[in-house]
Amino acid sequence: KADLTIGGNQNDVSLNIRVRHGEAIWVSVTALAGLEIARAYITPDSIQVINRLESTYINKPFSYIYDFTNPQVDFNTLETIVTGNPQKEVVTDSSELSIQDNQIVLRRIIESMIYVLRFNELNKVVQTSLRDEAAVQNLSVDYGDFMKVEDQVFPHLVKIKSQLERKNVVIDLKYNRVGINEVVEMPFSVPKRFTVKN
């Protein structure tokens, strides 16, 4: 279940998110009436989106996401945000380590981006923060309601906030089912009547 707010417009939707590690992220967006309104297929190279409400289709390079976030956000970053895992580039020997409010905090600056990760007592990420002060861009993700799924602890609450100039996006996710190491289908076909949107 998701509460999606883009530029002040709020929508209650259901999301079905499927991830193939390092390969693809598939998202189906369903309205309260149970009708699918959009579908996205994201790979390290491209972003494809079907908008069923407008009968349009977008096929863009991955860099299209930079209209909404910092250019240092790559496919791996997107995947770690959805799954609640730490970014590899932050968990290194060169990261600053501190303890604040009984949480382990890792901080690393890469080019103009400041990365901050907070870990709980289970060594799970409870907050991810990416900030580019020069470009006035912020992305923060908070994780909560950790539950055991198979042999892993997974956050069932995820709150994503993205601020880029005047484009503000807030996504509140509440996962009601999580599967790990399952075979996932990622169907994505564009109806012939849909028009390509630039």
C-alpha atoms as a PDB file:
ATOM      1  CA  LYS A   1       0.000   0.000   0.000  1.00  0.00           C
ATOM      2  CA  ALA A   2       1.375   3.401  -0.870  1.00  0.00           C
ATOM      3  CA  ASP A   3       0.551   7.030  -0.238  1.00  0.00           C
ATOM      4  CA  LEU A   4       2.127   8.836  -3.188  1.00  0.00           C
ATOM      5  CA  THR A   5       2.501  12.632  -3.171  1.00  0.00           C
ATOM      6  CA  ILE A   6       4.027  14.421  -6.165  1.00  0.00           C
ATOM      7  CA  GLY A   7       4.134  18.204  -6.155  1.00  0.00           C
ATOM      8  CA  GLY A   8       1.336  18.391  -3.577  1.00  0.00           C
ATOM      9  CA  ASN A   9      -0.988  15.945  -5.387  1.00  0.00           C
ATOM     10  CA  GLN A  10      -1.744  12.996  -3.123  1.00  0.00           C
ATOM     11  CA  ASN A  11      -2.841   9.528  -4.279  1.00  0.00           C
ATOM     12  CA  ASP A  12      -3.565   6.311  -2.422  1.00  0.00           C
ATOM     13  CA  VAL A  13      -2.447   3.387  -4.563  1.00  0.00           C
ATOM     14  CA  SER A  14      -1.206  -0.174  -4.336  1.00  0.00           C
ATOM     15  CA  LEU A  15       2.224  -1.050  -5.661  1.00  0.00           C
ATOM     16  CA  ASN A  16       3.490  -4.446  -6.672  1.00  0.00           C
ATOM     17  CA  ILE A  17       7.290  -4.208  -6.701  1.00  0.00           C
ATOM     18  CA  ARG A  18       9.491  -6.990  -8.029  1.00  0.00           C
ATOM     19  CA  VAL A  19      13.289  -6.893  -8.028  1.00  0.00           C
ATOM     20  CA  ARG A  20      15.840  -9.049  -9.802  1.00  0.00           C
ATOM     21  CA  HIS A  21      19.083  -8.180  -8.058  1.00  0.00           C
ATOM     22  CA  GLY A  22      21.299  -6.074 -10.315  1.00  0.00           C
ATOM     23  CA  GLU A  23      19.053  -6.604 -13.336  1.00  0.00           C
ATOM     24  CA  ALA A  24      15.602  -5.050 -13.147  1.00  0.00           C
ATOM     25  CA  ILE A  25      12.948  -3.408 -10.998  1.00  0.00           C
ATOM     26  CA  TRP A  26       9.326  -3.903 -12.069  1.00  0.00           C
ATOM     27  CA  VAL A  27       6.489  -1.849 -10.579  1.00  0.00           C
ATOM     28  CA  SER A  28       2.752  -2.092 -11.142  1.00  0.00           C
ATOM     29  CA  VAL A  29       0.614   0.782  -9.810  1.00  0.00           C
ATOM     30  CA  THR A  30      -3.013  -0.012  -9.055  1.00  0.00           C
ATOM     31  CA  ALA A  31      -5.744   2.444  -8.052  1.00  0.00           C
ATOM     32  CA  LEU A  32      -8.178   1.768  -5.223  1.00  0.00           C
ATOM     33  CA  ALA A  33     -10.716   0.364  -7.691  1.00  0.00           C
ATOM     34  CA  GLY A  34      -8.249  -2.428  -8.494  1.00  0.00           C
ATOM     35  CA  LEU A  35      -7.407  -1.159 -11.977  1.00  0.00           C
ATOM     36  CA  GLU A  36      -3.779  -0.918 -13.022  1.00  0.00           C
ATOM     37  CA  ILE A  37      -2.996   2.685 -13.939  1.00  0.00           C
ATOM     38  CA  ALA A  38       0.741   2.409 -14.639  1.00  0.00           C
ATOM     39  CA  ARG A  39       3.556  -0.067 -15.034  1.00  0.00           C
ATOM     40  CA  ALA A  40       7.305   0.561 -14.985  1.00  0.00           C
ATOM     41  CA  TYR A  41      10.299  -1.544 -15.974  1.00  0.00           C
ATOM     42  CA  ILE A  42      13.662  -0.178 -14.849  1.00  0.00           C
ATOM     43  CA  THR A  43      17.062  -1.612 -15.731  1.00  0.00           C
ATOM     44  CA  PRO A  44      20.578  -0.200 -15.230  1.00  0.00           C
ATOM     45  CA  ASP A  45      20.294   1.255 -18.770  1.00  0.00           C
ATOM     46  CA  SER A  46      16.669   2.288 -19.252  1.00  0.00           C
ATOM     47  CA  ILE A  47      13.324   3.300 -17.794  1.00  0.00           C
ATOM     48  CA  GLN A  48      10.096   2.263 -19.487  1.00  0.00           C
ATOM     49  CA  VAL A  49       6.699   3.397 -18.225  1.00  0.00           C
ATOM     50  CA  ILE A  50       3.187   2.595 -19.434  1.00  0.00           C
ATOM     51  CA  ASN A  51       0.559   5.158 -18.399  1.00  0.00           C
ATOM     52  CA  ARG A  52      -2.797   3.446 -18.880  1.00  0.00           C
ATOM     53  CA  LEU A  53      -4.785   6.554 -17.927  1.00  0.00           C
ATOM     54  CA  GLU A  54      -3.303   8.576 -20.790  1.00  0.00           C
ATOM     55  CA  SER A  55      -2.616   5.614 -23.139  1.00  0.00           C
ATOM     56  CA  THR A  56       1.022   6.704 -23.390  1.00  0.00           C
ATOM     57  CA  TYR A  57       4.393   5.013 -23.155  1.00  0.00           C
ATOM     58  CA  ILE A  58       7.814   6.330 -22.140  1.00  0.00           C
ATOM     59  CA  ASN A  59      11.089   4.662 -23.116  1.00  0.00           C
ATOM     60  CA  LYS A  60      14.061   6.643 -21.810  1.00  0.00           C
ATOM     61  CA  PRO A  61      17.668   6.023 -20.835  1.00  0.00           C
ATOM     62  CA  PHE A  62      18.223   5.559 -17.096  1.00  0.00           C
ATOM     63  CA  SER A  63      19.429   9.160 -16.939  1.00  0.00           C
ATOM     64  CA  TYR A  64      15.752  10.232 -17.226  1.00  0.00           C
ATOM     65  CA  ILE A  65      15.545   9.659 -13.475  1.00  0.00           C
ATOM     66  CA  TYR A  66      17.858  12.638 -12.992  1.00  0.00           C
ATOM     67  CA  ASP A  67      14.868  14.890 -13.685  1.00  0.00           C
ATOM     68  CA  PHE A  68      13.716  13.791 -10.221  1.00  0.00           C
ATOM     69  CA  THR A  69      16.945  13.082  -8.351  1.00  0.00           C
ATOM     70  CA  ASN A  70      20.728  13.533  -8.347  1.00  0.00           C
ATOM     71  CA  PRO A  71      22.861  12.090 -11.194  1.00  0.00           C
ATOM     72  CA  GLN A  72      24.768  10.005  -8.639  1.00  0.00           C
ATOM     73  CA  VAL A  73      21.646   7.905  -8.056  1.00  0.00           C
ATOM     74  CA  ASP A  74      22.233   4.815 -10.160  1.00  0.00           C
ATOM     75  CA  PHE A  75      20.314   1.551 -10.529  1.00  0.00           C
ATOM     76  CA  ASN A  76      22.088   0.049  -7.523  1.00  0.00           C
ATOM     77  CA  THR A  77      21.063   3.022  -5.364  1.00  0.00           C
ATOM     78  CA  LEU A  78      17.449   2.652  -6.489  1.00  0.00           C
ATOM     79  CA  GLU A  79      17.501  -1.059  -5.676  1.00  0.00           C
ATOM     80  CA  THR A  80      18.974  -0.510  -2.208  1.00  0.00           C
ATOM     81  CA  ILE A  81      16.335   2.140  -1.468  1.00  0.00           C
ATOM     82  CA  VAL A  82      13.487  -0.256  -2.315  1.00  0.00           C
ATOM     83  CA  THR A  83      14.981  -3.181  -0.397  1.00  0.00           C
ATOM     84  CA  GLY A  84      16.415  -1.322   2.606  1.00  0.00           C
ATOM     85  CA  ASN A  85      19.987  -2.408   2.000  1.00  0.00           C
ATOM     86  CA  PRO A  86      23.062  -0.192   2.414  1.00  0.00           C
ATOM     87  CA  GLN A  87      24.809   1.308  -0.615  1.00  0.00           C
ATOM     88  CA  LYS A  88      28.143  -0.395  -1.255  1.00  0.00           C
ATOM     89  CA  GLU A  89      29.903   2.899  -1.943  1.00  0.00           C
ATOM     90  CA  VAL A  90      29.111   4.105   1.592  1.00  0.00           C
ATOM     91  CA  VAL A  91      30.121   0.962   3.494  1.00  0.00           C
ATOM     92  CA  THR A  92      33.874   1.297   2.984  1.00  0.00           C
ATOM     93  CA  ASP A  93      36.992   1.807   5.074  1.00  0.00           C
ATOM     94  CA  SER A  94      37.072   5.461   4.019  1.00  0.00           C
ATOM     95  CA  SER A  95      33.628   6.251   5.495  1.00  0.00           C
ATOM     96  CA  GLU A  96      33.360   8.220   8.735  1.00  0.00           C
ATOM     97  CA  LEU A  97      31.935   6.094  11.555  1.00  0.00           C
ATOM     98  CA  SER A  98      30.195   7.436  14.659  1.00  0.00           C
ATOM     99  CA  ILE A  99      27.564   6.454  17.213  1.00  0.00           C
ATOM    100  CA  GLN A 100      24.557   8.734  17.689  1.00  0.00           C
ATOM    101  CA  ASP A 101      21.456   7.929  19.771  1.00  0.00           C
ATOM    102  CA  ASN A 102      22.558   4.273  20.032  1.00  0.00           C
ATOM    103  CA  GLN A 103      22.724   4.011  16.244  1.00  0.00           C
ATOM    104  CA  ILE A 104      25.770   3.410  14.075  1.00  0.00           C
ATOM    105  CA  VAL A 105      26.168   6.246  11.568  1.00  0.00           C
ATOM    106  CA  LEU A 106      28.248   5.978   8.398  1.00  0.00           C
ATOM    107  CA  ARG A 107      29.018   9.139   6.431  1.00  0.00           C
ATOM    108  CA  ARG A 108      30.856   9.501   3.162  1.00  0.00           C
ATOM    109  CA  ILE A 109      31.248  12.323   0.652  1.00  0.00           C
ATOM    110  CA  ILE A 110      31.560  11.312  -2.997  1.00  0.00           C
ATOM    111  CA  GLU A 111      32.059  14.261  -5.333  1.00  0.00           C
ATOM    112  CA  SER A 112      29.260  16.705  -4.350  1.00  0.00           C
ATOM    113  CA  MET A 113      27.050  14.087  -2.682  1.00  0.00           C
ATOM    114  CA  ILE A 114      26.923  13.533   1.079  1.00  0.00           C
ATOM    115  CA  TYR A 115      25.781  10.003   1.980  1.00  0.00           C
ATOM    116  CA  VAL A 116      24.640   9.194   5.521  1.00  0.00           C
ATOM    117  CA  LEU A 117      23.433   5.762   6.650  1.00  0.00           C
ATOM    118  CA  ARG A 118      22.001   4.989  10.087  1.00  0.00           C
ATOM    119  CA  PHE A 119      21.911   1.400  11.384  1.00  0.00           C
ATOM    120  CA  ASN A 120      19.910  -0.069  14.269  1.00  0.00           C
ATOM    121  CA  GLU A 121      21.064  -2.688  16.789  1.00  0.00           C
ATOM    122  CA  LEU A 122      20.354  -5.423  14.210  1.00  0.00           C
ATOM    123  CA  ASN A 123      22.711  -3.685  11.759  1.00  0.00           C
ATOM    124  CA  LYS A 124      19.768  -2.918   9.486  1.00  0.00           C
ATOM    125  CA  VAL A 125      19.518   0.457   7.756  1.00  0.00           C
ATOM    126  CA  VAL A 126      16.904   2.652   9.465  1.00  0.00           C
ATOM    127  CA  GLN A 127      17.684   5.781   7.460  1.00  0.00           C
ATOM    128  CA  THR A 128      19.428   6.614   4.208  1.00  0.00           C
ATOM    129  CA  SER A 129      20.204  10.215   3.345  1.00  0.00           C
ATOM    130  CA  LEU A 130      21.712  11.627   0.149  1.00  0.00           C
ATOM    131  CA  ARG A 131      22.290  15.359  -0.020  1.00  0.00           C
ATOM    132  CA  ASP A 132      23.813  17.596  -2.640  1.00  0.00           C
ATOM    133  CA  GLU A 133      23.992  21.028  -1.016  1.00  0.00           C
ATOM    134  CA  ALA A 134      25.299  22.787  -4.118  1.00  0.00           C
ATOM    135  CA  ALA A 135      22.386  21.585  -6.249  1.00  0.00           C
ATOM    136  CA  VAL A 136      19.852  21.851  -3.387  1.00  0.00           C
ATOM    137  CA  GLN A 137      18.875  18.200  -3.783  1.00  0.00           C
ATOM    138  CA  ASN A 138      17.883  15.872  -0.968  1.00  0.00           C
ATOM    139  CA  LEU A 139      16.764  12.275  -0.848  1.00  0.00           C
ATOM    140  CA  SER A 140      15.944  10.666   2.480  1.00  0.00           C
ATOM    141  CA  VAL A 141      14.506   7.234   3.175  1.00  0.00           C
ATOM    142  CA  ASP A 142      13.301   6.014   6.575  1.00  0.00           C
ATOM    143  CA  TYR A 143      12.737   2.318   7.336  1.00  0.00           C
ATOM    144  CA  GLY A 144      10.705   0.717  10.106  1.00  0.00           C
ATOM    145  CA  ASP A 145       8.546  -2.211  11.209  1.00  0.00           C
ATOM    146  CA  PHE A 146      11.306  -4.774  10.705  1.00  0.00           C
ATOM    147  CA  MET A 147      10.112  -8.371  10.416  1.00  0.00           C
ATOM    148  CA  LYS A 148      11.806 -11.658   9.694  1.00  0.00           C
ATOM    149  CA  VAL A 149      11.245 -12.974   6.173  1.00  0.00           C
ATOM    150  CA  GLU A 150      12.788 -16.408   5.767  1.00  0.00           C
ATOM    151  CA  ASP A 151      16.240 -15.877   7.330  1.00  0.00           C
ATOM    152  CA  GLN A 152      16.425 -12.137   6.682  1.00  0.00           C
ATOM    153  CA  VAL A 153      15.106  -9.092   8.514  1.00  0.00           C
ATOM    154  CA  PHE A 154      13.204  -6.798   6.153  1.00  0.00           C
ATOM    155  CA  PRO A 155      11.600  -3.359   6.702  1.00  0.00           C
ATOM    156  CA  HIS A 156       7.856  -3.316   6.064  1.00  0.00           C
ATOM    157  CA  LEU A 157       7.562   0.478   6.320  1.00  0.00           C
ATOM    158  CA  VAL A 158       9.490   2.720   3.921  1.00  0.00           C
ATOM    159  CA  LYS A 159       9.122   6.504   3.654  1.00  0.00           C
ATOM    160  CA  ILE A 160      10.878   8.149   0.706  1.00  0.00           C
ATOM    161  CA  LYS A 161      11.254  11.932   0.415  1.00  0.00           C
ATOM    162  CA  SER A 162      12.872  13.522  -2.627  1.00  0.00           C
ATOM    163  CA  GLN A 163      13.435  17.251  -3.024  1.00  0.00           C
ATOM    164  CA  LEU A 164      14.840  18.609  -6.256  1.00  0.00           C
ATOM    165  CA  GLU A 165      14.363  22.325  -6.834  1.00  0.00           C
ATOM    166  CA  ARG A 166      10.548  22.660  -6.830  1.00  0.00           C
ATOM    167  CA  LYS A 167       9.840  18.968  -7.481  1.00  0.00           C
ATOM    168  CA  ASN A 168       8.903  17.285  -4.215  1.00  0.00           C
ATOM    169  CA  VAL A 169       8.012  13.600  -4.108  1.00  0.00           C
ATOM    170  CA  VAL A 170       6.914  11.706  -0.988  1.00  0.00           C
ATOM    171  CA  ILE A 171       6.169   7.984  -1.036  1.00  0.00           C
ATOM    172  CA  ASP A 172       4.905   6.151   2.064  1.00  0.00           C
ATOM    173  CA  LEU A 173       5.084   2.397   1.518  1.00  0.00           C
ATOM    174  CA  LYS A 174       3.672  -0.338   3.724  1.00  0.00           C
ATOM    175  CA  TYR A 175       4.672  -3.763   2.479  1.00  0.00           C
ATOM    176  CA  ASN A 176       1.974  -6.321   3.301  1.00  0.00           C
ATOM    177  CA  ARG A 177       3.755  -9.244   1.650  1.00  0.00           C
ATOM    178  CA  VAL A 178       7.465  -9.772   1.074  1.00  0.00           C
ATOM    179  CA  GLY A 179       9.033 -12.715  -0.714  1.00  0.00           C
ATOM    180  CA  ILE A 180      12.769 -13.352  -1.013  1.00  0.00           C
ATOM    181  CA  ASN A 181      14.572 -15.612  -3.507  1.00  0.00           C
ATOM    182  CA  GLU A 182      11.379 -16.296  -5.438  1.00  0.00           C
ATOM    183  CA  VAL A 183      11.118 -16.592  -9.210  1.00  0.00           C
ATOM    184  CA  VAL A 184       9.476 -13.357 -10.379  1.00  0.00           C
ATOM    185  CA  GLU A 185       7.757 -12.590 -13.649  1.00  0.00           C
ATOM    186  CA  MET A 186       8.098  -9.071 -15.037  1.00  0.00           C
ATOM    187  CA  PRO A 187       5.580  -8.834 -17.864  1.00  0.00           C
ATOM    188  CA  PHE A 188       5.859  -5.636 -19.874  1.00  0.00           C
ATOM    189  CA  SER A 189       4.196  -5.147 -23.232  1.00  0.00           C
ATOM    190  CA  VAL A 190       2.970  -1.902 -24.755  1.00  0.00           C
ATOM    191  CA  PRO A 191      -0.477  -1.932 -26.391  1.00  0.00           C
ATOM    192  CA  LYS A 192      -0.324  -0.910 -30.060  1.00  0.00           C
ATOM    193  CA  ARG A 193      -2.781   1.960 -29.570  1.00  0.00           C
ATOM    194  CA  PHE A 194      -0.498   3.679 -27.022  1.00  0.00           C
ATOM    195  CA  THR A 195       1.490   6.691 -28.177  1.00  0.00           C
ATOM    196  CA  VAL A 196       5.130   7.351 -27.315  1.00  0.00           C
ATOM    197  CA  LYS A 197       5.534  10.323 -25.002  1.00  0.00           C
ATOM    198  CA  ASN A 198       8.728  12.402 -25.093  1.00  0.00           C
END
